[in-house]
Amino acid sequence: MTTYRTIAGSAAQLRSGEITAVELVEESIANADRTDTEIGVYLRRFDDEARAAAEKTDAALKAGQDPGPLAGIPLGVKDIIATEGAPTTAQSLVLDAEWSAALGDAPVVARLRSAGGIITGKSTTMEFATGVPDSDKPFPIPVNPWDTTRWAGGSSSGTGSGVVVGAFLGGLGTDTGGSIRMPAAFCGISGHKPTFGLVPKSGCVPLAYSLDNIGPMARTAEDCAIMLNALAGFDAGDACSADVAIPDYVGMLQPDLTGLRIGIDTLERFPSSFDEPEVYAALRAAAEVLESLGATVVEVQVPYYEELCSAARITSRSESFAYHADDLAARWDDYFRSTRRGVSGGAFYTAAEYVQAQRVRRVVQRALAELYTTVDLVITPTATVSAFLMDSLDSLQGERFVALKTNYWNGSGNPALSVPMGLSATGMPFGMQIIGRHFEDGTVLRVGEAYQRRTTWHERVPGQQLVAAASEE
């Protein structure tokens, strides 16, 4: 991999006639052909459908029509989100293939298509968006394009690695405990967990009802903003959907951060045995960049960190067990080893413990609201470790989660963006997490995009230091 494309750059080239949608789709197909056997991006590809959609896009553009802001852009969809014309498997032998047949496109998929996006296929995940790969099951195992002995991150693995290798320019991930931000950080791309309720999750296989989010993954924060413009908005089919005004997220992007107050919390006080110390230096260097853009950066400590992480874990396991209890009893062996181990753990929490976890979430949300009266955003590491080795995953259950600094923000519901901020001693990407107030996703994306205007970490690709696509230079 020596080049990359962005959604923003490719959309501009399509409008100017420098490239066609057919050429973009064929390039994505060629990239998938070249890499997919090794990297494991796809569970199902829509090559023929994507080619036909690209031809229609080119015809519309030639006729002077406006097919939408994502016109001609190849996009992947994580295979727990229902898509017209293809079964949704959740990468599991357990899910009834008829579940998605009657649904057609989930609202998020329909919105991407309405904006002109071209769906190229269903990307790999962890079973039911949890756990780690299982080589005993008949599914592709996604790996990290930077080092194929390492994990792409769970559970939106295929979407993360697919953006890196150019199988598509952006895609949908889901995030219940960090499953957009973790693969974004491990794969060196950008990934945005929206404010809970901003993007509808109907038509998505649930993991934990009160924690699940669907959001964009792409090369840049700007690309995530373009996708979020299409994705955000109320949907009556989702009981958690928020009926709020939706701004123009792209229009909010600007390089000047003057007046913004940003709190930095390295979370060094919560170490794991896997921590890589250079991540803290990378975060402090990123803070200096934000200061150079006009922001004021101050030290903060997010409140009740361990308590909220525990509450989010209790919530996730309890709610996922509620969904899977009958199938676990009837089809135990069909589940991945890590899935049944993790999900069945929900059986050991009492109703009182679950209720108490929800009380903790409310207490911490109030404490965070108070913190956000003193700062506009908070930055932390996305993880204090780079991508784990594949052969270590089963042995890391539990301890590895201490190094992932994401599920706190699922418990609170705040919007959180991961952007690349450096490389580890082994040359693997690190991510910076940018977190804002509820429904201030535009400010989060603004800071991420401004940081990327000044830095080049998001331009780095496996095997190369700093190479941009020749057509975008």
Protein backbone atom coordinates (compact mmCIF):
# COMPACT_ATOMS: atom_id res chain seq x y z
CA MET A 1 0.00 0.00 0.00
CA THR A 2 1.68 3.23 -1.12
CA THR A 3 -1.17 5.66 -1.76
CA TYR A 4 -4.46 6.69 -0.28
CA ARG A 5 -7.59 8.56 -1.28
CA THR A 6 -9.99 10.67 0.74
CA ILE A 7 -13.72 11.07 0.33
CA ALA A 8 -13.37 14.85 0.12
CA GLY A 9 -10.62 14.76 -2.49
CA SER A 10 -12.27 12.10 -4.62
CA ALA A 11 -15.65 13.87 -4.52
CA ALA A 12 -13.97 17.04 -5.80
CA GLN A 13 -12.27 15.11 -8.61
CA LEU A 14 -15.58 13.53 -9.59
CA ARG A 15 -17.23 16.94 -9.79
CA SER A 16 -14.38 18.37 -11.87
CA GLY A 17 -14.31 15.41 -14.25
CA GLU A 18 -10.77 14.35 -13.30
CA ILE A 19 -12.07 10.88 -12.43
CA THR A 20 -15.28 8.94 -12.94
CA ALA A 21 -17.30 6.92 -10.48
CA VAL A 22 -16.60 3.82 -12.58
CA GLU A 23 -12.87 4.44 -12.26
CA LEU A 24 -13.18 4.91 -8.48
CA VAL A 25 -15.15 1.70 -8.07
CA GLU A 26 -12.79 -0.28 -10.31
CA GLU A 27 -9.85 1.02 -8.30
CA SER A 28 -11.53 -0.11 -5.07
CA ILE A 29 -12.30 -3.52 -6.55
CA ALA A 30 -8.69 -3.90 -7.69
CA ASN A 31 -7.45 -2.98 -4.22
CA ALA A 32 -9.77 -5.57 -2.69
CA ASP A 33 -8.64 -8.20 -5.18
CA ARG A 34 -5.03 -7.47 -4.29
CA THR A 35 -5.36 -7.49 -0.51
CA ASP A 36 -8.52 -9.20 0.71
CA THR A 37 -7.22 -12.76 0.91
CA GLU A 38 -4.48 -11.65 3.27
CA ILE A 39 -6.22 -8.84 5.17
CA GLY A 40 -9.78 -10.21 5.48
CA VAL A 41 -11.79 -7.05 4.80
CA TYR A 42 -14.96 -8.56 3.34
CA LEU A 43 -17.56 -11.16 4.20
CA ARG A 44 -19.47 -10.38 1.00
CA ARG A 45 -18.63 -8.18 -1.96
CA PHE A 46 -21.06 -6.32 -4.23
CA ASP A 47 -18.76 -5.86 -7.24
CA ASP A 48 -21.45 -6.07 -9.93
CA GLU A 49 -23.92 -3.92 -8.01
CA ALA A 50 -21.23 -1.32 -7.32
CA ARG A 51 -20.25 -1.16 -11.00
CA ALA A 52 -23.89 -0.65 -12.01
CA ALA A 53 -24.35 2.09 -9.40
CA ALA A 54 -21.17 3.81 -10.61
CA GLU A 55 -22.43 3.85 -14.20
CA LYS A 56 -25.68 5.50 -13.04
CA THR A 57 -23.71 8.07 -11.07
CA ASP A 58 -21.55 8.97 -14.05
CA ALA A 59 -24.62 9.27 -16.26
CA ALA A 60 -26.28 11.59 -13.74
CA LEU A 61 -23.19 13.78 -13.43
CA LYS A 62 -22.84 13.94 -17.21
CA ALA A 63 -26.47 15.06 -17.45
CA GLY A 64 -25.79 17.89 -15.01
CA GLN A 65 -27.68 16.30 -12.14
CA ASP A 66 -26.56 16.29 -8.51
CA PRO A 67 -26.57 12.70 -7.19
CA GLY A 68 -25.57 13.83 -3.69
CA PRO A 69 -22.50 14.71 -1.61
CA LEU A 70 -21.30 11.09 -1.54
CA ALA A 71 -21.91 10.53 -5.26
CA GLY A 72 -19.67 7.81 -6.62
CA ILE A 73 -17.87 7.20 -3.31
CA PRO A 74 -17.21 3.48 -2.52
CA LEU A 75 -18.34 2.64 1.01
CA GLY A 76 -18.26 -0.51 3.16
CA VAL A 77 -20.89 -1.61 5.69
CA LYS A 78 -20.10 -3.62 8.80
CA ASP A 79 -21.91 -6.94 8.66
CA ILE A 80 -24.17 -6.37 11.62
CA ILE A 81 -26.10 -3.66 9.74
CA ALA A 82 -28.93 -4.74 7.44
CA THR A 83 -28.34 -4.17 3.73
CA GLU A 84 -30.74 -4.71 0.84
CA GLY A 85 -30.03 -7.80 -1.25
CA ALA A 86 -27.59 -9.50 1.11
CA PRO A 87 -27.92 -11.50 4.30
CA THR A 88 -26.56 -9.93 7.47
CA THR A 89 -24.65 -12.59 9.39
CA ALA A 90 -23.02 -10.69 12.28
CA GLN A 91 -20.16 -13.03 11.35
CA SER A 92 -21.93 -15.81 13.22
CA LEU A 93 -23.45 -19.22 12.59
CA VAL A 94 -26.20 -18.29 15.05
CA LEU A 95 -28.00 -15.31 13.51
CA ASP A 96 -31.04 -16.25 11.44
CA ALA A 97 -30.29 -15.25 7.84
CA GLU A 98 -33.94 -14.30 7.42
CA TRP A 99 -33.57 -11.60 10.08
CA SER A 100 -32.35 -9.00 7.62
CA ALA A 101 -34.18 -10.25 4.53
CA ALA A 102 -37.40 -8.50 5.45
CA LEU A 103 -35.70 -5.32 6.61
CA GLY A 104 -33.97 -4.14 3.44
CA ASP A 105 -31.54 -1.31 4.06
CA ALA A 106 -31.10 -0.09 7.61
CA PRO A 107 -31.79 3.68 7.83
CA VAL A 108 -28.05 4.46 7.89
CA VAL A 109 -27.45 2.44 4.72
CA ALA A 110 -30.43 4.03 3.01
CA ARG A 111 -29.13 7.47 3.94
CA LEU A 112 -25.69 6.74 2.48
CA ARG A 113 -27.29 5.56 -0.76
CA SER A 114 -29.56 8.61 -0.83
CA ALA A 115 -26.46 10.78 -0.56
CA GLY A 116 -25.02 9.01 -3.61
CA GLY A 117 -22.75 6.55 -1.84
CA ILE A 118 -21.96 3.22 -3.51
CA ILE A 119 -22.02 0.21 -1.18
CA THR A 120 -19.20 -2.17 -2.16
CA GLY A 121 -19.86 -4.94 0.34
CA LYS A 122 -20.25 -6.15 3.93
CA SER A 123 -17.11 -5.88 6.03
CA THR A 124 -15.84 -8.32 8.60
CA THR A 125 -16.45 -7.93 12.31
CA MET A 126 -16.11 -9.88 15.52
CA GLU A 127 -19.05 -12.20 16.13
CA PHE A 128 -22.03 -10.08 17.18
CA ALA A 129 -19.58 -7.16 17.49
CA THR A 130 -17.84 -8.60 20.53
CA GLY A 131 -14.91 -10.79 21.48
CA VAL A 132 -11.99 -11.76 19.28
CA PRO A 133 -11.56 -13.96 16.17
CA ASP A 134 -12.05 -17.72 16.33
CA SER A 135 -10.09 -19.79 13.80
CA ASP A 136 -12.43 -22.75 14.34
CA LYS A 137 -15.31 -20.91 12.65
CA PRO A 138 -15.72 -20.58 8.84
CA PHE A 139 -15.23 -16.83 8.55
CA PRO A 140 -12.39 -14.58 7.38
CA ILE A 141 -10.14 -13.31 10.15
CA PRO A 142 -9.40 -9.61 9.69
CA VAL A 143 -5.82 -8.54 10.38
CA ASN A 144 -3.97 -5.25 10.50
CA PRO A 145 -2.62 -3.96 7.15
CA TRP A 146 0.33 -2.36 8.95
CA ASP A 147 1.46 -5.75 10.28
CA THR A 148 -0.55 -8.85 9.45
CA THR A 149 0.57 -10.56 12.66
CA ARG A 150 -1.42 -7.94 14.55
CA TRP A 151 -5.13 -7.31 15.15
CA ALA A 152 -7.04 -4.67 13.24
CA GLY A 153 -9.00 -4.01 16.44
CA GLY A 154 -12.49 -5.04 17.39
CA SER A 155 -15.11 -5.13 16.33
CA SER A 156 -15.31 -2.90 13.24
CA SER A 157 -12.15 -4.58 12.00
CA GLY A 158 -13.01 -5.00 8.34
CA THR A 159 -14.16 -1.41 7.97
CA GLY A 160 -10.95 -0.12 9.53
CA SER A 161 -8.60 -2.28 7.47
CA GLY A 162 -10.71 -1.76 4.32
CA VAL A 163 -10.17 2.00 4.45
CA VAL A 164 -6.41 1.49 4.86
CA VAL A 165 -6.04 -0.79 1.82
CA GLY A 166 -8.43 1.24 -0.34
CA ALA A 167 -11.16 -1.38 -0.66
CA PHE A 168 -13.49 1.57 0.01
CA LEU A 169 -12.99 5.20 1.00
CA GLY A 170 -15.17 5.14 4.09
CA GLY A 171 -17.53 2.85 5.88
CA LEU A 172 -19.87 2.17 8.75
CA GLY A 173 -18.69 0.83 12.06
CA THR A 174 -20.49 0.30 15.32
CA ASP A 175 -19.27 1.23 18.78
CA THR A 176 -20.50 -0.24 22.05
CA GLY A 177 -17.25 -0.11 24.01
CA GLY A 178 -14.86 1.38 21.46
CA SER A 179 -15.38 -0.67 18.32
CA ILE A 180 -15.15 2.31 15.96
CA ARG A 181 -12.34 4.11 17.77
CA MET A 182 -10.17 1.08 18.55
CA PRO A 183 -9.73 -0.12 14.94
CA ALA A 184 -9.40 3.51 13.85
CA ALA A 185 -6.48 3.93 16.27
CA PHE A 186 -4.89 0.56 15.50
CA CYS A 187 -5.20 1.04 11.72
CA GLY A 188 -4.14 4.69 11.57
CA ILE A 189 -7.42 6.20 10.30
CA SER A 190 -10.20 8.39 11.74
CA GLY A 191 -13.32 7.04 13.41
CA HIS A 192 -16.22 8.87 15.04
CA LYS A 193 -18.57 7.58 17.71
CA PRO A 194 -21.46 10.05 17.55
CA THR A 195 -23.40 11.31 20.53
CA PHE A 196 -25.70 8.49 21.63
CA GLY A 197 -28.98 8.87 19.74
CA LEU A 198 -27.66 11.15 16.99
CA VAL A 199 -27.41 8.39 14.35
CA PRO A 200 -30.22 5.79 14.24
CA LYS A 201 -29.29 2.20 15.00
CA SER A 202 -32.48 0.48 13.86
CA GLY A 203 -31.64 -2.30 11.44
CA CYS A 204 -28.48 -3.13 13.37
CA VAL A 205 -27.98 -6.33 15.35
CA PRO A 206 -27.81 -5.11 18.96
CA LEU A 207 -25.00 -5.78 21.35
CA ALA A 208 -26.07 -3.51 24.23
CA TYR A 209 -29.17 -1.44 23.61
CA SER A 210 -28.23 1.57 25.72
CA LEU A 211 -24.59 1.74 24.56
CA ASP A 212 -24.66 0.90 20.82
CA ASN A 213 -23.77 3.54 18.23
CA ILE A 214 -23.32 3.52 14.45
CA GLY A 215 -20.77 5.93 13.04
CA PRO A 216 -18.38 6.76 10.20
CA MET A 217 -14.84 5.50 9.67
CA ALA A 218 -12.63 7.08 7.01
CA ARG A 219 -9.18 8.44 6.33
CA THR A 220 -9.80 11.90 7.83
CA ALA A 221 -12.01 13.78 10.25
CA GLU A 222 -13.30 15.79 7.28
CA ASP A 223 -14.40 12.56 5.60
CA CYS A 224 -16.18 11.53 8.82
CA ALA A 225 -17.97 14.90 8.83
CA ILE A 226 -19.11 14.37 5.23
CA MET A 227 -20.52 10.97 6.16
CA LEU A 228 -22.09 12.24 9.38
CA ASN A 229 -23.98 14.88 7.39
CA ALA A 230 -25.73 11.98 5.65
CA LEU A 231 -26.13 9.72 8.69
CA ALA A 232 -27.34 12.00 11.48
CA GLY A 233 -31.00 12.66 12.18
CA PHE A 234 -34.09 11.35 13.91
CA ASP A 235 -35.59 7.97 13.03
CA ALA A 236 -38.87 6.87 14.57
CA GLY A 237 -37.85 3.23 14.29
CA ASP A 238 -35.13 3.67 16.90
CA ALA A 239 -36.46 4.19 20.43
CA CYS A 240 -33.16 5.84 21.39
CA SER A 241 -33.09 8.25 18.46
CA ALA A 242 -32.82 11.91 19.47
CA ASP A 243 -35.00 14.48 17.73
CA VAL A 244 -32.48 17.34 17.59
CA ALA A 245 -31.48 19.91 15.00
CA ILE A 246 -28.73 18.66 12.69
CA PRO A 247 -26.09 21.22 11.67
CA ASP A 248 -23.86 21.13 8.61
CA TYR A 249 -20.88 19.32 10.11
CA VAL A 250 -18.67 20.02 7.11
CA GLY A 251 -19.56 23.70 7.26
CA MET A 252 -18.38 23.83 10.87
CA LEU A 253 -14.82 22.79 9.99
CA GLN A 254 -12.21 25.51 10.29
CA PRO A 255 -8.48 25.58 11.13
CA ASP A 256 -8.60 28.29 13.80
CA LEU A 257 -9.27 26.92 17.29
CA THR A 258 -8.99 30.26 19.06
CA GLY A 259 -11.30 30.41 22.05
CA LEU A 260 -11.63 26.65 22.51
CA ARG A 261 -10.68 25.27 25.92
CA ILE A 262 -9.36 21.70 25.75
CA GLY A 263 -8.71 19.48 28.75
CA ILE A 264 -5.98 16.85 28.48
CA ASP A 265 -6.15 13.66 30.54
CA THR A 266 -3.41 11.16 29.75
CA LEU A 267 -5.05 8.57 32.05
CA GLU A 268 -1.56 7.51 33.17
CA ARG A 269 -3.04 6.93 36.65
CA PHE A 270 -4.84 3.86 35.25
CA PRO A 271 -1.95 1.82 33.79
CA SER A 272 -2.01 -1.63 32.23
CA SER A 273 0.83 -4.08 31.85
CA PHE A 274 0.68 -3.52 28.07
CA ASP A 275 1.12 0.27 28.07
CA GLU A 276 3.59 1.76 25.60
CA PRO A 277 5.01 4.91 27.25
CA GLU A 278 5.57 6.76 23.99
CA VAL A 279 1.79 7.17 23.65
CA TYR A 280 1.82 9.75 26.44
CA ALA A 281 4.53 11.77 24.73
CA ALA A 282 2.52 11.59 21.50
CA LEU A 283 -0.58 12.97 23.25
CA ARG A 284 1.36 15.85 24.79
CA ALA A 285 2.86 16.65 21.37
CA ALA A 286 -0.67 16.64 19.92
CA ALA A 287 -1.76 19.06 22.65
CA GLU A 288 1.04 21.43 21.62
CA VAL A 289 -0.28 21.34 18.04
CA LEU A 290 -3.75 22.25 19.27
CA GLU A 291 -2.28 25.14 21.24
CA SER A 292 -0.50 26.36 18.12
CA LEU A 293 -3.91 26.48 16.43
CA GLY A 294 -5.24 28.83 19.09
CA ALA A 295 -6.75 26.49 21.66
CA THR A 296 -6.05 26.71 25.38
CA VAL A 297 -5.02 23.31 26.79
CA VAL A 298 -5.27 22.56 30.51
CA GLU A 299 -4.78 19.44 32.62
CA VAL A 300 -8.00 17.74 33.76
CA GLN A 301 -9.07 14.46 35.27
CA VAL A 302 -12.29 12.94 33.99
CA PRO A 303 -14.51 12.06 36.96
CA TYR A 304 -15.20 8.57 38.29
CA TYR A 305 -13.19 6.90 35.52
CA GLU A 306 -13.02 3.39 36.97
CA GLU A 307 -16.58 3.55 38.27
CA LEU A 308 -18.04 4.45 34.87
CA CYS A 309 -15.92 1.88 33.05
CA SER A 310 -17.25 -0.77 35.43
CA ALA A 311 -20.83 0.45 34.99
CA ALA A 312 -20.47 0.36 31.20
CA ARG A 313 -19.08 -3.18 31.36
CA ILE A 314 -21.94 -4.38 33.60
CA THR A 315 -24.43 -2.72 31.27
CA SER A 316 -22.91 -4.20 28.14
CA ARG A 317 -22.72 -7.74 29.46
CA SER A 318 -26.19 -7.66 31.00
CA GLU A 319 -27.88 -6.26 27.90
CA SER A 320 -26.01 -8.58 25.52
CA PHE A 321 -26.92 -11.58 27.67
CA ALA A 322 -30.57 -10.54 27.55
CA TYR A 323 -30.39 -10.68 23.76
CA HIS A 324 -28.46 -13.95 23.52
CA ALA A 325 -29.68 -15.99 26.49
CA ASP A 326 -31.97 -18.37 24.56
CA ASP A 327 -29.50 -18.95 21.72
CA LEU A 328 -26.63 -19.53 24.16
CA ALA A 329 -28.68 -22.25 25.83
CA ALA A 330 -29.66 -23.89 22.54
CA ARG A 331 -26.55 -23.33 20.37
CA TRP A 332 -23.60 -22.94 22.70
CA ASP A 333 -21.08 -24.60 20.38
CA ASP A 334 -22.07 -22.45 17.40
CA TYR A 335 -20.85 -19.31 19.16
CA PHE A 336 -17.22 -18.15 19.05
CA ARG A 337 -15.32 -19.13 22.19
CA SER A 338 -14.74 -15.52 23.22
CA THR A 339 -18.36 -14.55 22.51
CA ARG A 340 -19.90 -17.17 24.72
CA ARG A 341 -17.34 -16.48 27.45
CA GLY A 342 -18.01 -12.74 27.41
CA VAL A 343 -21.75 -12.69 26.81
CA SER A 344 -22.58 -15.47 29.26
CA GLY A 345 -20.84 -13.45 31.95
CA GLY A 346 -23.94 -11.26 31.95
CA ALA A 347 -25.82 -14.09 33.65
CA PHE A 348 -23.85 -13.45 36.86
CA TYR A 349 -24.99 -9.86 37.33
CA THR A 350 -28.11 -9.30 39.37
CA ALA A 351 -30.94 -6.97 38.46
CA ALA A 352 -29.87 -4.79 41.39
CA GLU A 353 -26.34 -4.53 40.01
CA TYR A 354 -27.64 -3.57 36.59
CA VAL A 355 -29.87 -0.88 38.05
CA GLN A 356 -27.03 0.41 40.19
CA ALA A 357 -24.84 0.64 37.05
CA GLN A 358 -27.45 2.89 35.44
CA ARG A 359 -27.46 5.09 38.54
CA VAL A 360 -23.67 5.37 38.31
CA ARG A 361 -23.98 6.40 34.67
CA ARG A 362 -26.35 9.22 35.59
CA VAL A 363 -24.09 10.43 38.40
CA VAL A 364 -21.06 10.50 36.11
CA GLN A 365 -22.98 12.24 33.33
CA ARG A 366 -23.81 15.02 35.77
CA ALA A 367 -20.18 15.22 36.91
CA LEU A 368 -19.03 15.40 33.30
CA ALA A 369 -21.53 18.15 32.57
CA GLU A 370 -19.87 20.11 35.36
CA LEU A 371 -16.40 19.42 33.91
CA TYR A 372 -17.61 20.65 30.52
CA THR A 373 -18.46 24.02 32.05
CA THR A 374 -14.69 24.55 32.43
CA VAL A 375 -13.55 23.06 29.09
CA ASP A 376 -15.14 22.58 25.68
CA LEU A 377 -13.47 19.26 24.87
CA VAL A 378 -11.27 16.59 26.42
CA ILE A 379 -8.42 14.69 24.78
CA THR A 380 -7.08 11.31 25.90
CA PRO A 381 -5.27 8.41 24.26
CA THR A 382 -7.67 6.16 22.37
CA ALA A 383 -5.59 3.33 23.78
CA THR A 384 -2.31 3.25 25.68
CA VAL A 385 -1.12 0.42 23.48
CA SER A 386 -0.80 -0.17 19.73
CA ALA A 387 -2.35 -3.14 17.94
CA PHE A 388 -2.13 -6.43 19.81
CA LEU A 389 -0.49 -9.50 18.30
CA MET A 390 -3.09 -11.88 16.90
CA ASP A 391 -1.70 -14.88 18.77
CA SER A 392 -2.06 -13.06 22.11
CA LEU A 393 -5.74 -12.18 21.87
CA ASP A 394 -7.31 -15.07 23.75
CA SER A 395 -4.93 -14.63 26.66
CA LEU A 396 -5.65 -10.90 26.93
CA GLN A 397 -9.36 -10.98 27.76
CA GLY A 398 -9.89 -8.64 30.70
CA GLU A 399 -6.40 -7.16 31.08
CA ARG A 400 -6.30 -5.85 27.54
CA PHE A 401 -9.39 -3.76 28.16
CA VAL A 402 -7.52 -1.69 30.75
CA ALA A 403 -5.31 -0.35 27.93
CA LEU A 404 -8.34 0.65 25.81
CA LYS A 405 -9.59 4.06 26.93
CA THR A 406 -12.90 4.04 25.08
CA ASN A 407 -15.79 2.44 26.97
CA TYR A 408 -15.98 5.26 29.54
CA TRP A 409 -17.46 7.45 26.78
CA ASN A 410 -20.00 4.81 25.79
CA GLY A 411 -21.20 4.88 29.37
CA SER A 412 -21.57 8.66 29.24
CA GLY A 413 -22.89 8.93 25.66
CA ASN A 414 -20.55 11.77 24.67
CA PRO A 415 -19.30 12.12 21.07
CA ALA A 416 -15.74 10.83 20.64
CA LEU A 417 -13.43 10.91 17.62
CA SER A 418 -10.17 8.99 17.22
CA VAL A 419 -7.53 10.43 14.89
CA PRO A 420 -3.96 9.22 14.27
CA MET A 421 -1.39 11.03 16.44
CA GLY A 422 1.87 9.07 16.14
CA LEU A 423 3.63 5.75 15.78
CA SER A 424 4.83 3.29 18.39
CA ALA A 425 8.40 2.06 18.71
CA THR A 426 7.40 -0.83 16.45
CA GLY A 427 5.96 1.50 13.80
CA MET A 428 2.29 0.91 14.61
CA PRO A 429 -0.27 3.76 14.78
CA PHE A 430 -1.48 5.45 17.96
CA GLY A 431 -4.79 7.33 18.22
CA MET A 432 -5.84 10.50 20.01
CA GLN A 433 -9.40 10.59 21.32
CA ILE A 434 -11.26 13.92 21.13
CA ILE A 435 -14.43 14.06 23.22
CA GLY A 436 -17.04 16.81 23.39
CA ARG A 437 -20.32 17.71 25.01
CA HIS A 438 -23.49 15.85 24.02
CA PHE A 439 -24.54 16.74 20.46
CA GLU A 440 -21.50 18.95 19.91
CA ASP A 441 -20.13 16.48 17.38
CA GLY A 442 -19.34 19.36 15.04
CA THR A 443 -16.86 20.82 17.51
CA VAL A 444 -15.21 17.42 17.97
CA LEU A 445 -14.82 17.01 14.21
CA ARG A 446 -13.63 20.60 13.86
CA VAL A 447 -10.74 19.96 16.27
CA GLY A 448 -9.84 16.68 14.58
CA GLU A 449 -9.83 18.25 11.13
CA ALA A 450 -7.80 21.27 12.28
CA TYR A 451 -5.24 18.93 13.87
CA GLN A 452 -4.99 16.99 10.61
CA ARG A 453 -4.40 20.15 8.59
CA ARG A 454 -1.28 20.75 10.69
CA THR A 455 -0.04 17.13 11.01
CA THR A 456 0.62 14.22 8.67
CA TRP A 457 -0.05 11.14 10.80
CA HIS A 458 -3.30 10.47 8.92
CA GLU A 459 -1.35 10.48 5.62
CA ARG A 460 0.88 7.59 6.58
CA VAL A 461 0.21 4.22 5.06
CA PRO A 462 1.71 0.76 5.60
CA GLY A 463 5.12 0.52 3.97
CA GLN A 464 5.47 4.24 3.37
CA GLN A 465 6.21 7.28 5.51
CA LEU A 466 4.37 10.13 3.83
CA VAL A 467 2.74 9.37 0.50
CA ALA A 468 -0.44 10.96 -0.81
CA ALA A 469 -2.25 9.78 -3.91
CA ALA A 470 -0.65 11.46 -6.91
CA SER A 471 -4.06 12.61 -8.12
CA GLU A 472 -4.63 14.48 -4.85
CA GLU A 473 -1.23 16.14 -4.45
